[in-house]
């Protein structure tokens, strides 16, 4: 009897998981910066559209993709 190793997911699912991790990294990268050197000064850059509007969507998609990768059925070969 041949003992054949099989992976939990197929290649397509692993690619979706990696895409989710990349989206999370991009989302957190977009949120970086905007702080002030002096804590008593206010920097309005922390409320930029990039940090408040775009980055959360990247994070949401980055969290959603691994769920999708787990839930989609395996391709039958």
PDB file of N, CA and C in Angstrom:
ATOM      1  N   UNK A   1       0.841  -1.179   0.000  1.00  0.00           N
ATOM      2  CA  UNK A   1       0.000   0.000   0.000  1.00  0.00           C
ATOM      3  C   UNK A   1       0.885   1.241   0.000  1.00  0.00           C
ATOM      4  N   UNK A   2       0.567   2.133  -0.875  1.00  0.00           N
ATOM      5  CA  UNK A   2       1.354   3.354  -1.019  1.00  0.00           C
ATOM      6  C   UNK A   2       0.798   4.441  -0.103  1.00  0.00           C
ATOM      7  N   UNK A   3       1.675   5.053   0.670  1.00  0.00           N
ATOM      8  CA  UNK A   3       1.257   6.127   1.564  1.00  0.00           C
ATOM      9  C   UNK A   3       1.509   7.455   0.856  1.00  0.00           C
ATOM     10  N   UNK A   4       0.469   8.022   0.316  1.00  0.00           N
ATOM     11  CA  UNK A   4       0.590   9.256  -0.455  1.00  0.00           C
ATOM     12  C   UNK A   4       0.242  10.447   0.437  1.00  0.00           C
ATOM     13  N   UNK A   5       1.163  11.410   0.516  1.00  0.00           N
ATOM     14  CA  UNK A   5       0.899  12.611   1.312  1.00  0.00           C
ATOM     15  C   UNK A   5      -0.029  13.537   0.545  1.00  0.00           C
ATOM     16  N   UNK A   6      -1.018  14.035   1.237  1.00  0.00           N
ATOM     17  CA  UNK A   6      -1.920  15.007   0.629  1.00  0.00           C
ATOM     18  C   UNK A   6      -1.956  16.249   1.499  1.00  0.00           C
ATOM     19  N   UNK A   7      -2.093  17.376   0.858  1.00  0.00           N
ATOM     20  CA  UNK A   7      -2.199  18.634   1.573  1.00  0.00           C
ATOM     21  C   UNK A   7      -3.645  18.875   1.969  1.00  0.00           C
ATOM     22  N   UNK A   8      -3.812  19.702   2.985  1.00  0.00           N
ATOM     23  CA  UNK A   8      -5.154  20.017   3.450  1.00  0.00           C
ATOM     24  C   UNK A   8      -5.931  20.791   2.385  1.00  0.00           C
ATOM     25  N   UNK A   9      -5.260  21.756   1.741  1.00  0.00           N
ATOM     26  CA  UNK A   9      -5.884  22.569   0.702  1.00  0.00           C
ATOM     27  C   UNK A   9      -5.184  22.313  -0.619  1.00  0.00           C
ATOM     28  N   UNK A  10      -5.862  22.672  -1.700  1.00  0.00           N
ATOM     29  CA  UNK A  10      -5.212  22.610  -3.001  1.00  0.00           C
ATOM     30  C   UNK A  10      -4.511  23.946  -3.273  1.00  0.00           C
ATOM     31  N   UNK A  11      -3.851  24.015  -4.407  1.00  0.00           N
ATOM     32  CA  UNK A  11      -3.049  25.200  -4.742  1.00  0.00           C
ATOM     33  C   UNK A  11      -3.894  26.471  -4.777  1.00  0.00           C
ATOM     34  N   UNK A  12      -5.090  26.379  -5.317  1.00  0.00           N
ATOM     35  CA  UNK A  12      -5.969  27.547  -5.443  1.00  0.00           C
ATOM     36  C   UNK A  12      -6.304  28.123  -4.069  1.00  0.00           C
ATOM     37  N   UNK A  13      -6.587  27.251  -3.108  1.00  0.00           N
ATOM     38  CA  UNK A  13      -6.930  27.718  -1.766  1.00  0.00           C
ATOM     39  C   UNK A  13      -5.731  28.362  -1.074  1.00  0.00           C
ATOM     40  N   UNK A  14      -4.547  27.788  -1.266  1.00  0.00           N
ATOM     41  CA  UNK A  14      -3.356  28.400  -0.679  1.00  0.00           C
ATOM     42  C   UNK A  14      -3.085  29.775  -1.284  1.00  0.00           C
ATOM     43  N   UNK A  15      -3.334  29.924  -2.561  1.00  0.00           N
ATOM     44  CA  UNK A  15      -3.141  31.231  -3.197  1.00  0.00           C
ATOM     45  C   UNK A  15      -4.127  32.258  -2.643  1.00  0.00           C
ATOM     46  N   UNK A  16      -5.355  31.844  -2.367  1.00  0.00           N
ATOM     47  CA  UNK A  16      -6.342  32.751  -1.777  1.00  0.00           C
ATOM     48  C   UNK A  16      -5.912  33.137  -0.363  1.00  0.00           C
ATOM     49  N   UNK A  17      -5.381  32.174   0.398  1.00  0.00           N
ATOM     50  CA  UNK A  17      -4.889  32.479   1.742  1.00  0.00           C
ATOM     51  C   UNK A  17      -3.732  33.473   1.702  1.00  0.00           C
ATOM     52  N   UNK A  18      -2.809  33.272   0.776  1.00  0.00           N
ATOM     53  CA  UNK A  18      -1.676  34.193   0.644  1.00  0.00           C
ATOM     54  C   UNK A  18      -2.162  35.569   0.214  1.00  0.00           C
ATOM     55  N   UNK A  19      -3.138  35.621  -0.679  1.00  0.00           N
ATOM     56  CA  UNK A  19      -3.702  36.910  -1.095  1.00  0.00           C
ATOM     57  C   UNK A  19      -4.326  37.631   0.097  1.00  0.00           C
ATOM     58  N   UNK A  20      -4.972  36.889   0.989  1.00  0.00           N
ATOM     59  CA  UNK A  20      -5.538  37.488   2.188  1.00  0.00           C
ATOM     60  C   UNK A  20      -4.466  38.080   3.084  1.00  0.00           C
ATOM     61  N   UNK A  21      -3.354  37.371   3.248  1.00  0.00           N
ATOM     62  CA  UNK A  21      -2.252  37.896   4.061  1.00  0.00           C
ATOM     63  C   UNK A  21      -1.637  39.142   3.435  1.00  0.00           C
ATOM     64  N   UNK A  22      -1.524  39.139   2.116  1.00  0.00           N
ATOM     65  CA  UNK A  22      -0.986  40.316   1.423  1.00  0.00           C
ATOM     66  C   UNK A  22      -1.921  41.508   1.594  1.00  0.00           C
ATOM     67  N   UNK A  23      -3.220  41.268   1.481  1.00  0.00           N
ATOM     68  CA  UNK A  23      -4.190  42.357   1.670  1.00  0.00           C
ATOM     69  C   UNK A  23      -4.117  42.918   3.086  1.00  0.00           C
ATOM     70  N   UNK A  24      -3.942  42.058   4.083  1.00  0.00           N
ATOM     71  CA  UNK A  24      -3.795  42.531   5.458  1.00  0.00           C
ATOM     72  C   UNK A  24      -2.536  43.376   5.615  1.00  0.00           C
ATOM     73  N   UNK A  25      -1.438  42.929   5.033  1.00  0.00           N
ATOM     74  CA  UNK A  25      -0.194  43.688   5.125  1.00  0.00           C
ATOM     75  C   UNK A  25      -0.335  45.051   4.452  1.00  0.00           C
ATOM     76  N   UNK A  26      -0.984  45.095   3.295  1.00  0.00           N
ATOM     77  CA  UNK A  26      -1.197  46.369   2.605  1.00  0.00           C
ATOM     78  C   UNK A  26      -2.096  47.275   3.436  1.00  0.00           C
ATOM     79  N   UNK A  27      -3.154  46.723   4.013  1.00  0.00           N
ATOM     80  CA  UNK A  27      -4.072  47.516   4.828  1.00  0.00           C
ATOM     81  C   UNK A  27      -3.390  48.134   6.032  1.00  0.00           C
ATOM     82  N   UNK A  28      -2.596  47.334   6.739  1.00  0.00           N
ATOM     83  CA  UNK A  28      -1.878  47.885   7.889  1.00  0.00           C
ATOM     84  C   UNK A  28      -0.794  48.863   7.441  1.00  0.00           C
ATOM     85  N   UNK A  29      -0.187  48.604   6.291  1.00  0.00           N
ATOM     86  CA  UNK A  29       0.803  49.540   5.766  1.00  0.00           C
ATOM     87  C   UNK A  29       0.191  50.885   5.410  1.00  0.00           C
ATOM     88  N   UNK A  30      -1.020  50.874   4.883  1.00  0.00           N
ATOM     89  CA  UNK A  30      -1.696  52.129   4.557  1.00  0.00           C
ATOM     90  C   UNK A  30      -2.057  52.928   5.803  1.00  0.00           C
ATOM     91  N   UNK A  31      -2.239  52.251   6.923  1.00  0.00           N
ATOM     92  CA  UNK A  31      -2.593  52.949   8.159  1.00  0.00           C
ATOM     93  C   UNK A  31      -1.388  53.553   8.874  1.00  0.00           C
ATOM     94  N   UNK A  32      -0.189  53.195   8.459  1.00  0.00           N
ATOM     95  CA  UNK A  32       1.009  53.699   9.132  1.00  0.00           C
ATOM     96  C   UNK A  32       1.162  55.205   8.965  1.00  0.00           C
ATOM     97  N   UNK A  33       1.799  55.820   9.936  1.00  0.00           N
ATOM     98  CA  UNK A  33       2.144  57.239   9.847  1.00  0.00           C
ATOM     99  C   UNK A  33       1.030  58.145  10.303  1.00  0.00           C
ATOM    100  N   UNK A  34       1.233  59.438  10.064  1.00  0.00           N
ATOM    101  CA  UNK A  34       0.231  60.428  10.416  1.00  0.00           C
ATOM    102  C   UNK A  34       0.330  60.925  11.837  1.00  0.00           C
ATOM    103  N   UNK A  35       1.277  60.385  12.587  1.00  0.00           N
ATOM    104  CA  UNK A  35       1.438  60.829  13.969  1.00  0.00           C
ATOM    105  C   UNK A  35       2.176  62.155  14.026  1.00  0.00           C
ATOM    106  N   UNK A  36       2.178  62.737  15.195  1.00  0.00           N
ATOM    107  CA  UNK A  36       2.835  64.022  15.387  1.00  0.00           C
ATOM    108  C   UNK A  36       4.083  63.826  16.237  1.00  0.00           C
ATOM    109  N   UNK A  37       5.123  64.584  15.932  1.00  0.00           N
ATOM    110  CA  UNK A  37       6.350  64.535  16.732  1.00  0.00           C
ATOM    111  C   UNK A  37       6.081  65.034  18.145  1.00  0.00           C
ATOM    112  N   UNK A  38       5.290  66.080  18.231  1.00  0.00           N
ATOM    113  CA  UNK A  38       4.964  66.693  19.513  1.00  0.00           C
ATOM    114  C   UNK A  38       3.550  66.258  19.909  1.00  0.00           C
ATOM    115  N   UNK A  39       3.386  65.624  21.069  1.00  0.00           N
ATOM    116  CA  UNK A  39       2.047  65.151  21.437  1.00  0.00           C
ATOM    117  C   UNK A  39       1.033  66.261  21.682  1.00  0.00           C
ATOM    118  N   UNK A  40       1.497  67.488  21.875  1.00  0.00           N
ATOM    119  CA  UNK A  40       0.546  68.577  22.118  1.00  0.00           C
ATOM    120  C   UNK A  40       0.025  69.184  20.816  1.00  0.00           C
ATOM    121  N   UNK A  41       0.587  68.800  19.680  1.00  0.00           N
ATOM    122  CA  UNK A  41       0.129  69.300  18.382  1.00  0.00           C
ATOM    123  C   UNK A  41      -0.792  68.268  17.728  1.00  0.00           C
ATOM    124  N   UNK A  42      -1.806  68.771  17.050  1.00  0.00           N
ATOM    125  CA  UNK A  42      -2.735  67.896  16.334  1.00  0.00           C
ATOM    126  C   UNK A  42      -2.337  67.844  14.870  1.00  0.00           C
ATOM    127  N   UNK A  43      -2.270  66.658  14.327  1.00  0.00           N
ATOM    128  CA  UNK A  43      -1.956  66.468  12.917  1.00  0.00           C
ATOM    129  C   UNK A  43      -3.201  65.905  12.226  1.00  0.00           C
ATOM    130  N   UNK A  44      -3.843  66.691  11.362  1.00  0.00           N
ATOM    131  CA  UNK A  44      -5.065  66.194  10.701  1.00  0.00           C
ATOM    132  C   UNK A  44      -4.808  65.053   9.720  1.00  0.00           C
ATOM    133  N   UNK A  45      -3.555  64.751   9.448  1.00  0.00           N
ATOM    134  CA  UNK A  45      -3.219  63.674   8.514  1.00  0.00           C
ATOM    135  C   UNK A  45      -3.679  62.306   9.034  1.00  0.00           C
ATOM    136  N   UNK A  46      -3.905  62.183  10.337  1.00  0.00           N
ATOM    137  CA  UNK A  46      -4.356  60.884  10.860  1.00  0.00           C
ATOM    138  C   UNK A  46      -5.765  60.548  10.395  1.00  0.00           C
ATOM    139  N   UNK A  47      -6.511  61.541   9.944  1.00  0.00           N
ATOM    140  CA  UNK A  47      -7.866  61.303   9.450  1.00  0.00           C
ATOM    141  C   UNK A  47      -7.938  61.396   7.926  1.00  0.00           C
ATOM    142  N   UNK A  48      -6.849  61.078   7.245  1.00  0.00           N
ATOM    143  CA  UNK A  48      -6.857  61.144   5.785  1.00  0.00           C
ATOM    144  C   UNK A  48      -7.748  60.042   5.211  1.00  0.00           C
ATOM    145  N   UNK A  49      -8.167  60.235   3.983  1.00  0.00           N
ATOM    146  CA  UNK A  49      -9.047  59.256   3.325  1.00  0.00           C
ATOM    147  C   UNK A  49      -8.364  57.903   3.190  1.00  0.00           C
ATOM    148  N   UNK A  50      -7.056  57.926   3.022  1.00  0.00           N
ATOM    149  CA  UNK A  50      -6.310  56.676   2.888  1.00  0.00           C
ATOM    150  C   UNK A  50      -6.402  55.850   4.172  1.00  0.00           C
ATOM    151  N   UNK A  51      -6.271  56.496   5.317  1.00  0.00           N
ATOM    152  CA  UNK A  51      -6.275  55.776   6.594  1.00  0.00           C
ATOM    153  C   UNK A  51      -7.680  55.432   7.083  1.00  0.00           C
ATOM    154  N   UNK A  52      -8.643  56.271   6.779  1.00  0.00           N
ATOM    155  CA  UNK A  52      -9.994  56.074   7.299  1.00  0.00           C
ATOM    156  C   UNK A  52     -10.894  55.351   6.296  1.00  0.00           C
ATOM    157  N   UNK A  53     -10.649  55.514   5.009  1.00  0.00           N
ATOM    158  CA  UNK A  53     -11.550  54.951   4.010  1.00  0.00           C
ATOM    159  C   UNK A  53     -11.014  53.753   3.264  1.00  0.00           C
ATOM    160  N   UNK A  54      -9.763  53.828   2.839  1.00  0.00           N
ATOM    161  CA  UNK A  54      -9.226  52.780   1.966  1.00  0.00           C
ATOM    162  C   UNK A  54      -8.647  51.614   2.758  1.00  0.00           C
ATOM    163  N   UNK A  55      -7.843  51.908   3.762  1.00  0.00           N
ATOM    164  CA  UNK A  55      -7.174  50.852   4.532  1.00  0.00           C
ATOM    165  C   UNK A  55      -8.146  49.882   5.198  1.00  0.00           C
ATOM    166  N   UNK A  56      -9.249  50.343   5.793  1.00  0.00           N
ATOM    167  CA  UNK A  56     -10.177  49.363   6.382  1.00  0.00           C
ATOM    168  C   UNK A  56     -10.768  48.387   5.365  1.00  0.00           C
ATOM    169  N   UNK A  57     -10.950  48.822   4.128  1.00  0.00           N
ATOM    170  CA  UNK A  57     -11.455  47.904   3.101  1.00  0.00           C
ATOM    171  C   UNK A  57     -10.428  46.825   2.781  1.00  0.00           C
ATOM    172  N   UNK A  58      -9.149  47.214   2.725  1.00  0.00           N
ATOM    173  CA  UNK A  58      -8.103  46.217   2.509  1.00  0.00           C
ATOM    174  C   UNK A  58      -8.091  45.212   3.656  1.00  0.00           C
ATOM    175  N   UNK A  59      -8.246  45.703   4.887  1.00  0.00           N
ATOM    176  CA  UNK A  59      -8.260  44.810   6.043  1.00  0.00           C
ATOM    177  C   UNK A  59      -9.481  43.895   6.019  1.00  0.00           C
ATOM    178  N   UNK A  60     -10.631  44.440   5.667  1.00  0.00           N
ATOM    179  CA  UNK A  60     -11.854  43.634   5.602  1.00  0.00           C
ATOM    180  C   UNK A  60     -11.713  42.524   4.566  1.00  0.00           C
ATOM    181  N   UNK A  61     -11.223  42.873   3.398  1.00  0.00           N
ATOM    182  CA  UNK A  61     -11.040  41.865   2.347  1.00  0.00           C
ATOM    183  C   UNK A  61      -9.969  40.860   2.762  1.00  0.00           C
ATOM    184  N   UNK A  62      -8.912  41.361   3.422  1.00  0.00           N
ATOM    185  CA  UNK A  62      -7.859  40.470   3.896  1.00  0.00           C
ATOM    186  C   UNK A  62      -8.341  39.481   4.939  1.00  0.00           C
ATOM    187  N   UNK A  63      -9.326  39.857   5.728  1.00  0.00           N
ATOM    188  CA  UNK A  63      -9.908  38.927   6.700  1.00  0.00           C
ATOM    189  C   UNK A  63     -10.953  38.017   6.057  1.00  0.00           C
ATOM    190  N   UNK A  64     -11.585  38.492   5.019  1.00  0.00           N
ATOM    191  CA  UNK A  64     -12.631  37.720   4.351  1.00  0.00           C
ATOM    192  C   UNK A  64     -12.054  36.618   3.450  1.00  0.00           C
ATOM    193  N   UNK A  65     -10.923  36.878   2.812  1.00  0.00           N
ATOM    194  CA  UNK A  65     -10.359  35.905   1.868  1.00  0.00           C
ATOM    195  C   UNK A  65     -10.011  34.559   2.511  1.00  0.00           C
ATOM    196  N   UNK A  66      -9.382  34.512   3.693  1.00  0.00           N
ATOM    197  CA  UNK A  66      -9.141  33.185   4.286  1.00  0.00           C
ATOM    198  C   UNK A  66     -10.427  32.429   4.605  1.00  0.00           C
ATOM    199  N   UNK A  67     -11.474  33.141   4.986  1.00  0.00           N
ATOM    200  CA  UNK A  67     -12.758  32.488   5.245  1.00  0.00           C
ATOM    201  C   UNK A  67     -13.299  31.888   3.948  1.00  0.00           C
ATOM    202  N   UNK A  68     -13.184  32.646   2.868  1.00  0.00           N
ATOM    203  CA  UNK A  68     -13.621  32.150   1.559  1.00  0.00           C
ATOM    204  C   UNK A  68     -12.797  30.932   1.160  1.00  0.00           C
ATOM    205  N   UNK A  69     -11.477  30.990   1.401  1.00  0.00           N
ATOM    206  CA  UNK A  69     -10.611  29.869   1.032  1.00  0.00           C
ATOM    207  C   UNK A  69     -10.978  28.604   1.796  1.00  0.00           C
ATOM    208  N   UNK A  70     -11.399  28.759   3.031  1.00  0.00           N
ATOM    209  CA  UNK A  70     -11.778  27.593   3.824  1.00  0.00           C
ATOM    210  C   UNK A  70     -13.132  27.052   3.381  1.00  0.00           C
ATOM    211  N   UNK A  71     -14.041  27.935   3.032  1.00  0.00           N
ATOM    212  CA  UNK A  71     -15.421  27.525   2.762  1.00  0.00           C
ATOM    213  C   UNK A  71     -15.662  26.995   1.343  1.00  0.00           C
ATOM    214  N   UNK A  72     -14.861  27.404   0.357  1.00  0.00           N
ATOM    215  CA  UNK A  72     -15.132  26.929  -1.001  1.00  0.00           C
ATOM    216  C   UNK A  72     -14.821  25.434  -1.098  1.00  0.00           C
ATOM    217  N   UNK A  73     -15.598  24.714  -1.876  1.00  0.00           N
ATOM    218  CA  UNK A  73     -15.373  23.267  -1.976  1.00  0.00           C
ATOM    219  C   UNK A  73     -14.103  22.952  -2.765  1.00  0.00           C
ATOM    220  N   UNK A  74     -13.534  21.795  -2.469  1.00  0.00           N
ATOM    221  CA  UNK A  74     -12.350  21.340  -3.190  1.00  0.00           C
ATOM    222  C   UNK A  74     -12.718  20.996  -4.619  1.00  0.00           C
ATOM    223  N   UNK A  75     -11.781  21.253  -5.522  1.00  0.00           N
ATOM    224  CA  UNK A  75     -11.990  20.831  -6.908  1.00  0.00           C
ATOM    225  C   UNK A  75     -11.830  19.324  -6.979  1.00  0.00           C
ATOM    226  N   UNK A  76     -12.753  18.669  -7.621  1.00  0.00           N
ATOM    227  CA  UNK A  76     -12.613  17.220  -7.783  1.00  0.00           C
ATOM    228  C   UNK A  76     -11.745  16.950  -9.004  1.00  0.00           C
ATOM    229  N   UNK A  77     -10.785  16.085  -8.833  1.00  0.00           N
ATOM    230  CA  UNK A  77      -9.833  15.801  -9.908  1.00  0.00           C
ATOM    231  C   UNK A  77     -10.272  14.597 -10.690  1.00  0.00           C
TER     232      UNK A  77
END
